[in-house]
Amino acid sequence: MTGTMRAVVKTAAAPGNIELRTLPIPQIGPRDILVRVKAAAVCGTDVHIRH
């Protein structure tokens, strides 16, 4: 599969430093699977890590 995907990236081991990026869809190997995510949510731990 080719194309791009959206990803939330933690850019540094520090408070904040989270970016929404458009990245290439990763290439998968013969023993891998690629899952298309239709919906996602942010939990309290995610918010805590960002702050």
PDB file of N, CA and C in Angstrom:
ATOM      1  N   MET A   1       0.855  -1.171   0.000  1.00  0.00           N
ATOM      2  CA  MET A   1       0.000   0.000   0.000  1.00  0.00           C
ATOM      3  C   MET A   1       0.899   1.230   0.000  1.00  0.00           C
ATOM      4  N   THR A   2       0.540   2.216  -0.764  1.00  0.00           N
ATOM      5  CA  THR A   2       1.289   3.470  -0.792  1.00  0.00           C
ATOM      6  C   THR A   2       0.379   4.594  -0.364  1.00  0.00           C
ATOM      7  N   GLY A   3       0.953   5.720  -0.075  1.00  0.00           N
ATOM      8  CA  GLY A   3       0.171   6.879   0.323  1.00  0.00           C
ATOM      9  C   GLY A   3       0.662   7.423   1.647  1.00  0.00           C
ATOM     10  N   THR A   4      -0.184   8.217   2.278  1.00  0.00           N
ATOM     11  CA  THR A   4       0.181   8.830   3.551  1.00  0.00           C
ATOM     12  C   THR A   4      -0.869   8.541   4.609  1.00  0.00           C
ATOM     13  N   MET A   5      -0.477   8.778   5.842  1.00  0.00           N
ATOM     14  CA  MET A   5      -1.379   8.604   6.979  1.00  0.00           C
ATOM     15  C   MET A   5      -1.127   9.737   7.959  1.00  0.00           C
ATOM     16  N   ARG A   6      -2.073   9.974   8.838  1.00  0.00           N
ATOM     17  CA  ARG A   6      -1.906  10.966   9.905  1.00  0.00           C
ATOM     18  C   ARG A   6      -1.434  10.236  11.146  1.00  0.00           C
ATOM     19  N   ALA A   7      -0.511  10.860  11.902  1.00  0.00           N
ATOM     20  CA  ALA A   7       0.028  10.233  13.101  1.00  0.00           C
ATOM     21  C   ALA A   7       0.312  11.296  14.155  1.00  0.00           C
ATOM     22  N   VAL A   8       0.023  10.978  15.407  1.00  0.00           N
ATOM     23  CA  VAL A   8       0.422  11.825  16.525  1.00  0.00           C
ATOM     24  C   VAL A   8       1.792  11.347  16.966  1.00  0.00           C
ATOM     25  N   VAL A   9       2.761  12.269  16.994  1.00  0.00           N
ATOM     26  CA  VAL A   9       4.147  11.924  17.278  1.00  0.00           C
ATOM     27  C   VAL A   9       4.610  12.668  18.517  1.00  0.00           C
ATOM     28  N   LYS A  10       5.129  11.939  19.488  1.00  0.00           N
ATOM     29  CA  LYS A  10       5.768  12.534  20.677  1.00  0.00           C
ATOM     30  C   LYS A  10       7.194  12.834  20.267  1.00  0.00           C
ATOM     31  N   THR A  11       7.549  14.111  20.111  1.00  0.00           N
ATOM     32  CA  THR A  11       8.806  14.500  19.492  1.00  0.00           C
ATOM     33  C   THR A  11       9.980  14.594  20.458  1.00  0.00           C
ATOM     34  N   ALA A  12       9.728  14.618  21.761  1.00  0.00           N
ATOM     35  CA  ALA A  12      10.819  14.688  22.741  1.00  0.00           C
ATOM     36  C   ALA A  12      10.320  14.161  24.072  1.00  0.00           C
ATOM     37  N   ALA A  13      11.249  13.690  24.893  1.00  0.00           N
ATOM     38  CA  ALA A  13      10.909  13.199  26.232  1.00  0.00           C
ATOM     39  C   ALA A  13      10.826  14.388  27.182  1.00  0.00           C
ATOM     40  N   ALA A  14       9.806  15.200  26.979  1.00  0.00           N
ATOM     41  CA  ALA A  14       9.592  16.408  27.778  1.00  0.00           C
ATOM     42  C   ALA A  14       8.106  16.750  27.720  1.00  0.00           C
ATOM     43  N   PRO A  15       7.618  17.573  28.641  1.00  0.00           N
ATOM     44  CA  PRO A  15       6.213  17.972  28.590  1.00  0.00           C
ATOM     45  C   PRO A  15       5.874  18.615  27.240  1.00  0.00           C
ATOM     46  N   GLY A  16       4.685  18.363  26.782  1.00  0.00           N
ATOM     47  CA  GLY A  16       4.282  18.891  25.477  1.00  0.00           C
ATOM     48  C   GLY A  16       4.927  18.083  24.371  1.00  0.00           C
ATOM     49  N   ASN A  17       5.456  18.760  23.389  1.00  0.00           N
ATOM     50  CA  ASN A  17       6.205  18.132  22.303  1.00  0.00           C
ATOM     51  C   ASN A  17       5.411  17.042  21.593  1.00  0.00           C
ATOM     52  N   ILE A  18       4.160  17.311  21.277  1.00  0.00           N
ATOM     53  CA  ILE A  18       3.336  16.384  20.510  1.00  0.00           C
ATOM     54  C   ILE A  18       2.938  17.088  19.223  1.00  0.00           C
ATOM     55  N   GLU A  19       3.108  16.398  18.098  1.00  0.00           N
ATOM     56  CA  GLU A  19       2.755  16.969  16.806  1.00  0.00           C
ATOM     57  C   GLU A  19       1.865  16.014  16.028  1.00  0.00           C
ATOM     58  N   LEU A  20       0.933  16.568  15.280  1.00  0.00           N
ATOM     59  CA  LEU A  20       0.137  15.793  14.333  1.00  0.00           C
ATOM     60  C   LEU A  20       0.847  15.901  12.990  1.00  0.00           C
ATOM     61  N   ARG A  21       1.291  14.772  12.449  1.00  0.00           N
ATOM     62  CA  ARG A  21       2.072  14.765  11.214  1.00  0.00           C
ATOM     63  C   ARG A  21       1.419  13.888  10.158  1.00  0.00           C
ATOM     64  N   THR A  22       1.715  14.191   8.909  1.00  0.00           N
ATOM     65  CA  THR A  22       1.358  13.331   7.790  1.00  0.00           C
ATOM     66  C   THR A  22       2.617  12.569   7.415  1.00  0.00           C
ATOM     67  N   LEU A  23       2.546  11.242   7.483  1.00  0.00           N
ATOM     68  CA  LEU A  23       3.701  10.381   7.254  1.00  0.00           C
ATOM     69  C   LEU A  23       3.396   9.345   6.181  1.00  0.00           C
ATOM     70  N   PRO A  24       4.434   8.795   5.550  1.00  0.00           N
ATOM     71  CA  PRO A  24       4.185   7.707   4.596  1.00  0.00           C
ATOM     72  C   PRO A  24       3.621   6.476   5.313  1.00  0.00           C
ATOM     73  N   ILE A  25       2.740   5.762   4.659  1.00  0.00           N
ATOM     74  CA  ILE A  25       2.239   4.505   5.212  1.00  0.00           C
ATOM     75  C   ILE A  25       3.414   3.530   5.246  1.00  0.00           C
ATOM     76  N   PRO A  26       3.672   2.891   6.396  1.00  0.00           N
ATOM     77  CA  PRO A  26       4.824   1.997   6.481  1.00  0.00           C
ATOM     78  C   PRO A  26       4.682   0.770   5.590  1.00  0.00           C
ATOM     79  N   GLN A  27       5.806   0.304   5.098  1.00  0.00           N
ATOM     80  CA  GLN A  27       5.829  -0.943   4.335  1.00  0.00           C
ATOM     81  C   GLN A  27       5.780  -2.101   5.327  1.00  0.00           C
ATOM     82  N   ILE A  28       5.016  -3.117   5.021  1.00  0.00           N
ATOM     83  CA  ILE A  28       4.895  -4.254   5.926  1.00  0.00           C
ATOM     84  C   ILE A  28       5.648  -5.451   5.357  1.00  0.00           C
ATOM     85  N   GLY A  29       6.087  -6.300   6.269  1.00  0.00           N
ATOM     86  CA  GLY A  29       6.791  -7.516   5.873  1.00  0.00           C
ATOM     87  C   GLY A  29       5.836  -8.679   5.712  1.00  0.00           C
ATOM     88  N   PRO A  30       6.358  -9.851   5.352  1.00  0.00           N
ATOM     89  CA  PRO A  30       5.514 -11.021   5.097  1.00  0.00           C
ATOM     90  C   PRO A  30       4.805 -11.548   6.345  1.00  0.00           C
ATOM     91  N   ARG A  31       5.281 -11.190   7.540  1.00  0.00           N
ATOM     92  CA  ARG A  31       4.630 -11.649   8.774  1.00  0.00           C
ATOM     93  C   ARG A  31       3.931 -10.509   9.509  1.00  0.00           C
ATOM     94  N   ASP A  32       3.726  -9.379   8.839  1.00  0.00           N
ATOM     95  CA  ASP A  32       3.095  -8.195   9.439  1.00  0.00           C
ATOM     96  C   ASP A  32       1.678  -8.027   8.919  1.00  0.00           C
ATOM     97  N   ILE A  33       0.926  -7.188   9.614  1.00  0.00           N
ATOM     98  CA  ILE A  33      -0.386  -6.762   9.124  1.00  0.00           C
ATOM     99  C   ILE A  33      -0.444  -5.246   9.216  1.00  0.00           C
ATOM    100  N   LEU A  34      -1.249  -4.641   8.399  1.00  0.00           N
ATOM    101  CA  LEU A  34      -1.469  -3.204   8.422  1.00  0.00           C
ATOM    102  C   LEU A  34      -2.948  -2.987   8.717  1.00  0.00           C
ATOM    103  N   VAL A  35      -3.235  -2.225   9.756  1.00  0.00           N
ATOM    104  CA  VAL A  35      -4.606  -2.013  10.209  1.00  0.00           C
ATOM    105  C   VAL A  35      -5.017  -0.577   9.895  1.00  0.00           C
ATOM    106  N   ARG A  36      -6.164  -0.408   9.265  1.00  0.00           N
ATOM    107  CA  ARG A  36      -6.701   0.929   9.008  1.00  0.00           C
ATOM    108  C   ARG A  36      -7.547   1.338  10.214  1.00  0.00           C
ATOM    109  N   VAL A  37      -7.205   2.443  10.843  1.00  0.00           N
ATOM    110  CA  VAL A  37      -7.920   2.932  12.014  1.00  0.00           C
ATOM    111  C   VAL A  37      -9.022   3.878  11.538  1.00  0.00           C
ATOM    112  N   LYS A  38     -10.254   3.595  11.933  1.00  0.00           N
ATOM    113  CA  LYS A  38     -11.373   4.456  11.550  1.00  0.00           C
ATOM    114  C   LYS A  38     -11.651   5.532  12.584  1.00  0.00           C
ATOM    115  N   ALA A  39     -11.336   5.253  13.855  1.00  0.00           N
ATOM    116  CA  ALA A  39     -11.578   6.223  14.917  1.00  0.00           C
ATOM    117  C   ALA A  39     -10.573   5.990  16.036  1.00  0.00           C
ATOM    118  N   ALA A  40     -10.246   7.049  16.735  1.00  0.00           N
ATOM    119  CA  ALA A  40      -9.323   6.955  17.870  1.00  0.00           C
ATOM    120  C   ALA A  40      -9.746   7.973  18.916  1.00  0.00           C
ATOM    121  N   ALA A  41      -9.272   7.787  20.121  1.00  0.00           N
ATOM    122  CA  ALA A  41      -9.610   8.707  21.206  1.00  0.00           C
ATOM    123  C   ALA A  41      -8.356   8.993  22.027  1.00  0.00           C
ATOM    124  N   VAL A  42      -8.444  10.010  22.839  1.00  0.00           N
ATOM    125  CA  VAL A  42      -7.355  10.386  23.735  1.00  0.00           C
ATOM    126  C   VAL A  42      -7.800  10.057  25.156  1.00  0.00           C
ATOM    127  N   CYS A  43      -6.964   9.323  25.885  1.00  0.00           N
ATOM    128  CA  CYS A  43      -7.317   8.978  27.259  1.00  0.00           C
ATOM    129  C   CYS A  43      -6.615   9.939  28.232  1.00  0.00           C
ATOM    130  N   GLY A  44      -6.952   9.846  29.494  1.00  0.00           N
ATOM    131  CA  GLY A  44      -6.375  10.714  30.513  1.00  0.00           C
ATOM    132  C   GLY A  44      -4.869  10.591  30.607  1.00  0.00           C
ATOM    133  N   THR A  45      -4.326   9.407  30.396  1.00  0.00           N
ATOM    134  CA  THR A  45      -2.880   9.222  30.422  1.00  0.00           C
ATOM    135  C   THR A  45      -2.217   9.996  29.292  1.00  0.00           C
ATOM    136  N   ASP A  46      -2.839   9.998  28.114  1.00  0.00           N
ATOM    137  CA  ASP A  46      -2.301  10.777  26.982  1.00  0.00           C
ATOM    138  C   ASP A  46      -2.231  12.259  27.338  1.00  0.00           C
ATOM    139  N   VAL A  47      -3.273  12.769  27.957  1.00  0.00           N
ATOM    140  CA  VAL A  47      -3.298  14.177  28.366  1.00  0.00           C
ATOM    141  C   VAL A  47      -2.212  14.438  29.408  1.00  0.00           C
ATOM    142  N   HIS A  48      -2.052  13.529  30.355  1.00  0.00           N
ATOM    143  CA  HIS A  48      -1.032  13.669  31.387  1.00  0.00           C
ATOM    144  C   HIS A  48       0.377  13.693  30.770  1.00  0.00           C
ATOM    145  N   ILE A  49       0.648  12.820  29.816  1.00  0.00           N
ATOM    146  CA  ILE A  49       1.945  12.773  29.158  1.00  0.00           C
ATOM    147  C   ILE A  49       2.203  14.077  28.400  1.00  0.00           C
ATOM    148  N   ARG A  50       1.185  14.607  27.769  1.00  0.00           N
ATOM    149  CA  ARG A  50       1.367  15.864  27.022  1.00  0.00           C
ATOM    150  C   ARG A  50       1.727  17.005  27.953  1.00  0.00           C
ATOM    151  N   HIS A  51       1.093  17.038  29.146  1.00  0.00           N
ATOM    152  CA  HIS A  51       1.373  18.136  30.091  1.00  0.00           C
ATOM    153  C   HIS A  51       2.631  17.843  30.866  1.00  0.00           C
TER     154      HIS A  51
END
